[in-house]
Amino acid sequence: MHFRRGVLGVLVLLIVALTGCAVDIGQDPLAPSSARTISVRQFSSAPGQTLRVIDETQLRTGDLLFSSSIGLTSLGIRFFSASAVSHVALYTGEGHVAEAVGAGVHIITLKEAMAHSDKLFALRMPGLTEKEAKLISQFATDKSGSRYNFSGIAGMAPFMLTSKLCSLTPFSSDFRHQCLATLANVQLAPPERPANNRYFCSEFVTAAYAYAGHPLTSAASGWVSPADLLHMREGDVTSLKPLHRLRYVGHLKKGIYLSARSYFQ
């Protein structure tokens, strides 16, 4: 029995290494002293049976809206980051969404955001105050018209590939976070050199939360990808160290995969 468990553990770690998937191995305080828990990074936007379909009335100002499409750009970003998402934006209330895209930072309607996406779902920051939510919305309005950070996103592509090396040591999340910070310092622009008021999507979202005084992570905003933010949700295995965990709200649009999964269940 012990031999079988040992082989199973080796196989799990081997699969993880080949895919670059992050794993946390820790002690379960409710189990016997010899027992350990294994948490594997969740790639689906709605792992297991968690899928919840929502509409606009269930969104709050400050919610993070994650999306993907079936276009080549989206597929490329998802490939480099090994993620179910390629874009993240902010819900600013009253049916509007703020995002940073190739044309720059702009505010569109939620209806437009849904039309541009194959899949669209929301994560929420628990404990976000009304004042902080207003500051996030204010930041989005103030930055509307800012240019896109093309140089920043160009540097993110190789970083997302090499950062998988940090995921191969599952025994310490602190080590993984430090490893990622070290790689980011080498490969990406240092945090003390801002991108002259230019943003890519996740950089914009992270900067908005920092402006509101409720930062998502201590990492520089230019180091954060949509996948990094996604894995800051509750029950997932993080890449960059979060200061707060995000809570799943639900899907406004399920996308091809989840629609097919629901159909065959």
C-alpha atoms as a PDB file:
ATOM      1  CA  MET A   1       0.000   0.000   0.000  1.00  0.00           C
ATOM      2  CA  HIS A   2       2.788   2.417   0.952  1.00  0.00           C
ATOM      3  CA  PHE A   3       4.627   1.488  -2.262  1.00  0.00           C
ATOM      4  CA  ARG A   4       1.549   2.260  -4.360  1.00  0.00           C
ATOM      5  CA  ARG A   5       1.094   5.613  -2.658  1.00  0.00           C
ATOM      6  CA  GLY A   6       4.736   6.403  -3.271  1.00  0.00           C
ATOM      7  CA  VAL A   7       4.450   5.572  -6.976  1.00  0.00           C
ATOM      8  CA  LEU A   8       1.268   7.627  -7.245  1.00  0.00           C
ATOM      9  CA  GLY A   9       3.014  10.606  -5.624  1.00  0.00           C
ATOM     10  CA  VAL A  10       5.938  10.357  -8.042  1.00  0.00           C
ATOM     11  CA  LEU A  11       3.559  10.189 -11.023  1.00  0.00           C
ATOM     12  CA  VAL A  12       1.685  13.275  -9.824  1.00  0.00           C
ATOM     13  CA  LEU A  13       4.896  15.252  -9.475  1.00  0.00           C
ATOM     14  CA  LEU A  14       6.131  14.047 -12.877  1.00  0.00           C
ATOM     15  CA  ILE A  15       2.952  15.213 -14.590  1.00  0.00           C
ATOM     16  CA  VAL A  16       3.233  18.517 -12.802  1.00  0.00           C
ATOM     17  CA  ALA A  17       6.832  18.963 -13.940  1.00  0.00           C
ATOM     18  CA  LEU A  18       6.018  18.206 -17.563  1.00  0.00           C
ATOM     19  CA  THR A  19       3.141  20.673 -17.649  1.00  0.00           C
ATOM     20  CA  GLY A  20       4.722  23.379 -15.520  1.00  0.00           C
ATOM     21  CA  CYS A  21       1.721  23.162 -13.210  1.00  0.00           C
ATOM     22  CA  ALA A  22       2.083  24.576  -9.713  1.00  0.00           C
ATOM     23  CA  VAL A  23       1.341  22.364  -6.728  1.00  0.00           C
ATOM     24  CA  ASP A  24       1.275  23.029  -2.999  1.00  0.00           C
ATOM     25  CA  ILE A  25       2.024  20.133  -0.666  1.00  0.00           C
ATOM     26  CA  GLY A  26       1.198  20.863   2.965  1.00  0.00           C
ATOM     27  CA  GLN A  27       0.138  19.422   6.269  1.00  0.00           C
ATOM     28  CA  ASP A  28      -3.563  18.951   6.923  1.00  0.00           C
ATOM     29  CA  PRO A  29      -4.141  20.040  10.578  1.00  0.00           C
ATOM     30  CA  LEU A  30      -7.285  17.891  10.793  1.00  0.00           C
ATOM     31  CA  ALA A  31      -5.589  14.718   9.543  1.00  0.00           C
ATOM     32  CA  PRO A  32      -3.101  12.332  11.222  1.00  0.00           C
ATOM     33  CA  SER A  33       0.437  13.662  11.566  1.00  0.00           C
ATOM     34  CA  SER A  34       1.651  11.570   8.618  1.00  0.00           C
ATOM     35  CA  ALA A  35      -1.037  12.837   6.220  1.00  0.00           C
ATOM     36  CA  ARG A  36      -0.402  15.592   3.715  1.00  0.00           C
ATOM     37  CA  THR A  37      -2.655  17.549   1.399  1.00  0.00           C
ATOM     38  CA  ILE A  38      -1.889  18.132  -2.276  1.00  0.00           C
ATOM     39  CA  SER A  39      -3.379  21.184  -3.974  1.00  0.00           C
ATOM     40  CA  VAL A  40      -3.046  21.390  -7.757  1.00  0.00           C
ATOM     41  CA  ARG A  41      -3.476  24.581  -9.750  1.00  0.00           C
ATOM     42  CA  GLN A  42      -6.956  24.847 -11.274  1.00  0.00           C
ATOM     43  CA  PHE A  43      -6.935  25.642 -14.988  1.00  0.00           C
ATOM     44  CA  SER A  44     -10.684  25.710 -15.598  1.00  0.00           C
ATOM     45  CA  SER A  45     -12.558  28.975 -15.090  1.00  0.00           C
ATOM     46  CA  ALA A  46     -15.132  26.941 -13.120  1.00  0.00           C
ATOM     47  CA  PRO A  47     -13.390  23.927 -11.533  1.00  0.00           C
ATOM     48  CA  GLY A  48     -15.468  20.911 -10.597  1.00  0.00           C
ATOM     49  CA  GLN A  49     -19.126  21.725 -10.001  1.00  0.00           C
ATOM     50  CA  THR A  50     -18.626  25.405  -9.156  1.00  0.00           C
ATOM     51  CA  LEU A  51     -20.138  26.869 -12.334  1.00  0.00           C
ATOM     52  CA  ARG A  52     -22.656  29.607 -11.572  1.00  0.00           C
ATOM     53  CA  VAL A  53     -24.408  31.629 -14.273  1.00  0.00           C
ATOM     54  CA  ILE A  54     -25.083  35.281 -13.354  1.00  0.00           C
ATOM     55  CA  ASP A  55     -26.267  38.490 -14.988  1.00  0.00           C
ATOM     56  CA  GLU A  56     -25.279  42.154 -14.753  1.00  0.00           C
ATOM     57  CA  THR A  57     -27.375  42.797 -11.636  1.00  0.00           C
ATOM     58  CA  GLN A  58     -25.091  40.530  -9.612  1.00  0.00           C
ATOM     59  CA  LEU A  59     -21.922  42.490 -10.402  1.00  0.00           C
ATOM     60  CA  ARG A  60     -20.397  45.121  -8.127  1.00  0.00           C
ATOM     61  CA  THR A  61     -18.062  48.005  -8.875  1.00  0.00           C
ATOM     62  CA  GLY A  62     -14.495  46.747  -8.672  1.00  0.00           C
ATOM     63  CA  ASP A  63     -15.239  43.181  -9.799  1.00  0.00           C
ATOM     64  CA  LEU A  64     -12.525  41.670 -11.994  1.00  0.00           C
ATOM     65  CA  LEU A  65     -13.892  40.437 -15.321  1.00  0.00           C
ATOM     66  CA  PHE A  66     -11.844  37.651 -16.917  1.00  0.00           C
ATOM     67  CA  SER A  67     -12.337  36.640 -20.521  1.00  0.00           C
ATOM     68  CA  SER A  68     -10.998  34.771 -23.509  1.00  0.00           C
ATOM     69  CA  SER A  69     -11.909  34.538 -27.165  1.00  0.00           C
ATOM     70  CA  ILE A  70     -11.249  32.110 -30.003  1.00  0.00           C
ATOM     71  CA  GLY A  71      -8.922  34.538 -31.806  1.00  0.00           C
ATOM     72  CA  LEU A  72      -5.210  33.873 -32.387  1.00  0.00           C
ATOM     73  CA  THR A  73      -4.054  36.566 -29.951  1.00  0.00           C
ATOM     74  CA  SER A  74      -6.163  35.131 -27.138  1.00  0.00           C
ATOM     75  CA  LEU A  75      -5.043  31.590 -27.905  1.00  0.00           C
ATOM     76  CA  GLY A  76      -1.401  32.703 -27.934  1.00  0.00           C
ATOM     77  CA  ILE A  77      -1.656  34.383 -24.531  1.00  0.00           C
ATOM     78  CA  ARG A  78      -3.405  31.337 -23.100  1.00  0.00           C
ATOM     79  CA  PHE A  79      -0.663  29.098 -24.511  1.00  0.00           C
ATOM     80  CA  PHE A  80       2.193  31.137 -23.023  1.00  0.00           C
ATOM     81  CA  SER A  81       0.484  31.397 -19.639  1.00  0.00           C
ATOM     82  CA  ALA A  82      -1.102  27.901 -19.658  1.00  0.00           C
ATOM     83  CA  SER A  83      -4.371  29.495 -18.573  1.00  0.00           C
ATOM     84  CA  ALA A  84      -8.088  29.515 -19.321  1.00  0.00           C
ATOM     85  CA  VAL A  85      -8.046  33.306 -19.706  1.00  0.00           C
ATOM     86  CA  SER A  86      -6.242  35.851 -21.859  1.00  0.00           C
ATOM     87  CA  HIS A  87      -7.712  39.157 -20.684  1.00  0.00           C
ATOM     88  CA  VAL A  88      -8.901  40.880 -17.508  1.00  0.00           C
ATOM     89  CA  ALA A  89     -10.875  44.092 -17.061  1.00  0.00           C
ATOM     90  CA  LEU A  90     -12.707  46.016 -14.341  1.00  0.00           C
ATOM     91  CA  TYR A  91     -16.419  46.443 -13.836  1.00  0.00           C
ATOM     92  CA  THR A  92     -16.899  50.138 -12.975  1.00  0.00           C
ATOM     93  CA  GLY A  93     -20.640  50.050 -12.317  1.00  0.00           C
ATOM     94  CA  GLU A  94     -23.779  51.067 -14.202  1.00  0.00           C
ATOM     95  CA  GLY A  95     -23.120  48.580 -16.997  1.00  0.00           C
ATOM     96  CA  HIS A  96     -19.607  49.774 -17.871  1.00  0.00           C
ATOM     97  CA  VAL A  97     -16.240  48.052 -18.111  1.00  0.00           C
ATOM     98  CA  ALA A  98     -12.754  49.612 -18.083  1.00  0.00           C
ATOM     99  CA  GLU A  99      -9.967  47.780 -19.868  1.00  0.00           C
ATOM    100  CA  ALA A 100      -6.528  48.211 -21.417  1.00  0.00           C
ATOM    101  CA  VAL A 101      -6.297  46.876 -24.973  1.00  0.00           C
ATOM    102  CA  GLY A 102      -4.161  47.584 -28.019  1.00  0.00           C
ATOM    103  CA  ALA A 103      -5.979  50.850 -28.645  1.00  0.00           C
ATOM    104  CA  GLY A 104      -5.246  51.951 -25.058  1.00  0.00           C
ATOM    105  CA  VAL A 105      -7.298  52.287 -21.900  1.00  0.00           C
ATOM    106  CA  HIS A 106     -10.969  52.876 -22.570  1.00  0.00           C
ATOM    107  CA  ILE A 107     -14.404  52.355 -21.060  1.00  0.00           C
ATOM    108  CA  ILE A 108     -16.990  50.283 -22.892  1.00  0.00           C
ATOM    109  CA  THR A 109     -20.380  48.833 -22.054  1.00  0.00           C
ATOM    110  CA  LEU A 110     -20.718  45.394 -20.520  1.00  0.00           C
ATOM    111  CA  LYS A 111     -22.734  44.422 -23.591  1.00  0.00           C
ATOM    112  CA  GLU A 112     -19.742  45.254 -25.794  1.00  0.00           C
ATOM    113  CA  ALA A 113     -17.395  43.305 -23.524  1.00  0.00           C
ATOM    114  CA  MET A 114     -19.646  40.255 -23.764  1.00  0.00           C
ATOM    115  CA  ALA A 115     -19.858  40.546 -27.553  1.00  0.00           C
ATOM    116  CA  HIS A 116     -16.040  40.520 -27.811  1.00  0.00           C
ATOM    117  CA  SER A 117     -15.644  37.463 -25.569  1.00  0.00           C
ATOM    118  CA  ASP A 118     -16.258  33.751 -25.922  1.00  0.00           C
ATOM    119  CA  LYS A 119     -16.124  33.409 -22.136  1.00  0.00           C
ATOM    120  CA  LEU A 120     -16.640  36.085 -19.464  1.00  0.00           C
ATOM    121  CA  PHE A 121     -16.735  35.611 -15.689  1.00  0.00           C
ATOM    122  CA  ALA A 122     -16.223  37.641 -12.523  1.00  0.00           C
ATOM    123  CA  LEU A 123     -14.040  37.361  -9.432  1.00  0.00           C
ATOM    124  CA  ARG A 124     -14.555  39.678  -6.469  1.00  0.00           C
ATOM    125  CA  MET A 125     -12.363  41.141  -3.773  1.00  0.00           C
ATOM    126  CA  PRO A 126     -14.064  40.341  -0.442  1.00  0.00           C
ATOM    127  CA  GLY A 127     -14.124  43.267   1.946  1.00  0.00           C
ATOM    128  CA  LEU A 128     -13.731  45.946  -0.706  1.00  0.00           C
ATOM    129  CA  THR A 129     -15.296  49.103   0.753  1.00  0.00           C
ATOM    130  CA  GLU A 130     -17.598  51.476  -1.093  1.00  0.00           C
ATOM    131  CA  LYS A 131     -14.902  54.153  -0.907  1.00  0.00           C
ATOM    132  CA  GLU A 132     -12.293  51.830  -2.407  1.00  0.00           C
ATOM    133  CA  ALA A 133     -14.682  50.782  -5.172  1.00  0.00           C
ATOM    134  CA  LYS A 134     -15.263  54.443  -6.047  1.00  0.00           C
ATOM    135  CA  LEU A 135     -11.512  55.030  -6.170  1.00  0.00           C
ATOM    136  CA  ILE A 136     -11.112  52.111  -8.581  1.00  0.00           C
ATOM    137  CA  SER A 137     -13.802  53.610 -10.802  1.00  0.00           C
ATOM    138  CA  GLN A 138     -12.152  57.031 -10.532  1.00  0.00           C
ATOM    139  CA  PHE A 139      -8.772  55.574 -11.507  1.00  0.00           C
ATOM    140  CA  ALA A 140     -10.351  53.978 -14.586  1.00  0.00           C
ATOM    141  CA  THR A 141     -11.926  57.276 -15.626  1.00  0.00           C
ATOM    142  CA  ASP A 142      -8.723  59.240 -15.033  1.00  0.00           C
ATOM    143  CA  LYS A 143      -6.630  56.767 -17.051  1.00  0.00           C
ATOM    144  CA  SER A 144      -9.084  56.529 -19.950  1.00  0.00           C
ATOM    145  CA  GLY A 145      -7.148  57.418 -23.077  1.00  0.00           C
ATOM    146  CA  SER A 146      -3.787  56.209 -21.720  1.00  0.00           C
ATOM    147  CA  ARG A 147      -1.702  54.266 -24.207  1.00  0.00           C
ATOM    148  CA  TYR A 148      -1.118  50.514 -24.235  1.00  0.00           C
ATOM    149  CA  ASN A 149       2.123  49.126 -22.772  1.00  0.00           C
ATOM    150  CA  PHE A 150       3.347  47.199 -25.825  1.00  0.00           C
ATOM    151  CA  SER A 151       6.919  46.873 -24.534  1.00  0.00           C
ATOM    152  CA  GLY A 152       5.644  45.500 -21.235  1.00  0.00           C
ATOM    153  CA  ILE A 153       3.476  42.830 -22.837  1.00  0.00           C
ATOM    154  CA  ALA A 154       6.332  41.861 -25.186  1.00  0.00           C
ATOM    155  CA  GLY A 155       8.504  41.133 -22.163  1.00  0.00           C
ATOM    156  CA  MET A 156       5.747  39.148 -20.480  1.00  0.00           C
ATOM    157  CA  ALA A 157       5.705  36.400 -23.145  1.00  0.00           C
ATOM    158  CA  PRO A 158       9.163  34.936 -22.412  1.00  0.00           C
ATOM    159  CA  PHE A 159       8.680  35.578 -18.688  1.00  0.00           C
ATOM    160  CA  MET A 160       5.480  33.505 -18.646  1.00  0.00           C
ATOM    161  CA  LEU A 161       7.427  30.591 -20.147  1.00  0.00           C
ATOM    162  CA  THR A 162      10.500  30.738 -17.922  1.00  0.00           C
ATOM    163  CA  SER A 163       8.404  31.361 -14.803  1.00  0.00           C
ATOM    164  CA  LYS A 164       7.126  27.783 -15.087  1.00  0.00           C
ATOM    165  CA  LEU A 165      10.529  26.710 -13.756  1.00  0.00           C
ATOM    166  CA  CYS A 166       9.516  28.181 -10.410  1.00  0.00           C
ATOM    167  CA  SER A 167       6.485  25.902 -10.296  1.00  0.00           C
ATOM    168  CA  LEU A 168       8.610  22.768 -10.275  1.00  0.00           C
ATOM    169  CA  THR A 169       9.370  23.117  -6.538  1.00  0.00           C
ATOM    170  CA  PRO A 170       5.971  22.491  -4.916  1.00  0.00           C
ATOM    171  CA  PHE A 171       7.031  22.158  -1.309  1.00  0.00           C
ATOM    172  CA  SER A 172       7.156  25.863  -0.478  1.00  0.00           C
ATOM    173  CA  SER A 173       4.853  28.538  -1.854  1.00  0.00           C
ATOM    174  CA  ASP A 174       7.205  31.139  -0.375  1.00  0.00           C
ATOM    175  CA  PHE A 175      10.078  29.722  -2.426  1.00  0.00           C
ATOM    176  CA  ARG A 176       7.929  29.792  -5.582  1.00  0.00           C
ATOM    177  CA  HIS A 177       6.950  33.414  -5.001  1.00  0.00           C
ATOM    178  CA  GLN A 178      10.567  34.422  -4.341  1.00  0.00           C
ATOM    179  CA  CYS A 179      11.703  32.549  -7.455  1.00  0.00           C
ATOM    180  CA  LEU A 180       9.164  34.416  -9.573  1.00  0.00           C
ATOM    181  CA  ALA A 181      10.187  37.758  -8.093  1.00  0.00           C
ATOM    182  CA  THR A 182      13.831  37.025  -8.885  1.00  0.00           C
ATOM    183  CA  LEU A 183      13.041  36.084 -12.492  1.00  0.00           C
ATOM    184  CA  ALA A 184      10.852  39.169 -12.885  1.00  0.00           C
ATOM    185  CA  ASN A 185      13.655  41.419 -11.661  1.00  0.00           C
ATOM    186  CA  VAL A 186      15.954  39.900 -14.277  1.00  0.00           C
ATOM    187  CA  GLN A 187      13.568  39.693 -17.250  1.00  0.00           C
ATOM    188  CA  LEU A 188      11.106  42.536 -16.729  1.00  0.00           C
ATOM    189  CA  ALA A 189      11.291  46.254 -16.038  1.00  0.00           C
ATOM    190  CA  PRO A 190      12.092  46.928 -12.355  1.00  0.00           C
ATOM    191  CA  PRO A 191       9.166  48.354 -10.334  1.00  0.00           C
ATOM    192  CA  GLU A 192      11.012  51.654  -9.805  1.00  0.00           C
ATOM    193  CA  ARG A 193      10.872  52.319 -13.570  1.00  0.00           C
ATOM    194  CA  PRO A 194       7.188  52.929 -14.425  1.00  0.00           C
ATOM    195  CA  ALA A 195       5.906  52.491 -17.984  1.00  0.00           C
ATOM    196  CA  ASN A 196       5.123  56.216 -18.455  1.00  0.00           C
ATOM    197  CA  ASN A 197       1.404  55.852 -17.780  1.00  0.00           C
ATOM    198  CA  ARG A 198       0.997  52.946 -20.208  1.00  0.00           C
ATOM    199  CA  TYR A 199      -0.757  49.713 -19.281  1.00  0.00           C
ATOM    200  CA  PHE A 200      -1.521  46.238 -20.500  1.00  0.00           C
ATOM    201  CA  CYS A 201      -4.721  44.660 -19.170  1.00  0.00           C
ATOM    202  CA  SER A 202      -3.618  42.999 -15.918  1.00  0.00           C
ATOM    203  CA  GLU A 203      -1.158  45.805 -15.196  1.00  0.00           C
ATOM    204  CA  PHE A 204      -4.060  48.265 -15.402  1.00  0.00           C
ATOM    205  CA  VAL A 205      -6.270  46.212 -13.070  1.00  0.00           C
ATOM    206  CA  THR A 206      -3.474  45.728 -10.530  1.00  0.00           C
ATOM    207  CA  ALA A 207      -2.590  49.442 -10.613  1.00  0.00           C
ATOM    208  CA  ALA A 208      -6.248  50.391 -10.058  1.00  0.00           C
ATOM    209  CA  TYR A 209      -6.469  48.312  -6.890  1.00  0.00           C
ATOM    210  CA  ALA A 210      -3.154  49.699  -5.615  1.00  0.00           C
ATOM    211  CA  TYR A 211      -4.461  53.249  -6.224  1.00  0.00           C
ATOM    212  CA  ALA A 212      -7.564  52.437  -4.176  1.00  0.00           C
ATOM    213  CA  GLY A 213      -5.423  51.364  -1.227  1.00  0.00           C
ATOM    214  CA  HIS A 214      -6.456  47.707  -1.493  1.00  0.00           C
ATOM    215  CA  PRO A 215      -3.587  46.108  -3.479  1.00  0.00           C
ATOM    216  CA  LEU A 216      -4.013  42.636  -4.914  1.00  0.00           C
ATOM    217  CA  THR A 217      -0.339  41.702  -4.539  1.00  0.00           C
ATOM    218  CA  SER A 218       2.944  43.180  -3.407  1.00  0.00           C
ATOM    219  CA  ALA A 219       4.441  42.402  -6.836  1.00  0.00           C
ATOM    220  CA  ALA A 220       4.902  45.263  -9.294  1.00  0.00           C
ATOM    221  CA  SER A 221       1.848  45.723 -11.528  1.00  0.00           C
ATOM    222  CA  GLY A 222       4.014  45.223 -14.633  1.00  0.00           C
ATOM    223  CA  TRP A 223       4.877  41.702 -13.465  1.00  0.00           C
ATOM    224  CA  VAL A 224       1.268  40.482 -13.253  1.00  0.00           C
ATOM    225  CA  SER A 225      -0.505  38.527 -15.998  1.00  0.00           C
ATOM    226  CA  PRO A 226      -4.240  37.719 -16.263  1.00  0.00           C
ATOM    227  CA  ALA A 227      -3.371  34.144 -15.262  1.00  0.00           C
ATOM    228  CA  ASP A 228      -1.603  35.382 -12.112  1.00  0.00           C
ATOM    229  CA  LEU A 229      -4.755  37.233 -11.071  1.00  0.00           C
ATOM    230  CA  LEU A 230      -6.968  34.251 -11.889  1.00  0.00           C
ATOM    231  CA  HIS A 231      -4.942  31.959  -9.621  1.00  0.00           C
ATOM    232  CA  MET A 232      -5.330  34.397  -6.731  1.00  0.00           C
ATOM    233  CA  ARG A 233      -8.872  33.073  -6.353  1.00  0.00           C
ATOM    234  CA  GLU A 234      -9.910  31.047  -3.325  1.00  0.00           C
ATOM    235  CA  GLY A 235      -8.974  27.368  -3.473  1.00  0.00           C
ATOM    236  CA  ASP A 236      -6.335  27.784  -6.174  1.00  0.00           C
ATOM    237  CA  VAL A 237      -2.525  27.627  -6.164  1.00  0.00           C
ATOM    238  CA  THR A 238      -1.011  31.058  -6.684  1.00  0.00           C
ATOM    239  CA  SER A 239       1.875  32.207  -8.840  1.00  0.00           C
ATOM    240  CA  LEU A 240       2.699  35.672  -7.511  1.00  0.00           C
ATOM    241  CA  LYS A 241       1.896  36.053  -3.828  1.00  0.00           C
ATOM    242  CA  PRO A 242      -1.536  37.628  -3.251  1.00  0.00           C
ATOM    243  CA  LEU A 243      -2.313  39.991  -0.404  1.00  0.00           C
ATOM    244  CA  HIS A 244      -5.968  38.976  -0.618  1.00  0.00           C
ATOM    245  CA  ARG A 245      -7.805  36.031  -2.158  1.00  0.00           C
ATOM    246  CA  LEU A 246     -10.425  36.647  -4.839  1.00  0.00           C
ATOM    247  CA  ARG A 247     -13.862  35.045  -4.666  1.00  0.00           C
ATOM    248  CA  TYR A 248     -15.654  33.511  -7.646  1.00  0.00           C
ATOM    249  CA  VAL A 249     -18.894  35.362  -8.470  1.00  0.00           C
ATOM    250  CA  GLY A 250     -20.059  33.583 -11.610  1.00  0.00           C
ATOM    251  CA  HIS A 251     -20.075  33.432 -15.396  1.00  0.00           C
ATOM    252  CA  LEU A 252     -21.870  35.983 -17.526  1.00  0.00           C
ATOM    253  CA  LYS A 253     -20.927  33.949 -20.590  1.00  0.00           C
ATOM    254  CA  LYS A 254     -19.879  30.297 -20.313  1.00  0.00           C
ATOM    255  CA  GLY A 255     -17.881  29.896 -23.504  1.00  0.00           C
ATOM    256  CA  ILE A 256     -17.561  26.905 -25.818  1.00  0.00           C
ATOM    257  CA  TYR A 257     -15.934  24.464 -23.391  1.00  0.00           C
ATOM    258  CA  LEU A 258     -18.221  25.021 -20.390  1.00  0.00           C
ATOM    259  CA  SER A 259     -21.294  25.092 -22.622  1.00  0.00           C
ATOM    260  CA  ALA A 260     -20.274  21.714 -24.058  1.00  0.00           C
ATOM    261  CA  ARG A 261     -19.524  20.356 -20.589  1.00  0.00           C
ATOM    262  CA  SER A 262     -22.963  21.425 -19.359  1.00  0.00           C
ATOM    263  CA  TYR A 263     -24.607  19.866 -22.415  1.00  0.00           C
ATOM    264  CA  PHE A 264     -23.083  16.433 -21.841  1.00  0.00           C
ATOM    265  CA  GLN A 265     -23.687  16.343 -18.088  1.00  0.00           C
END
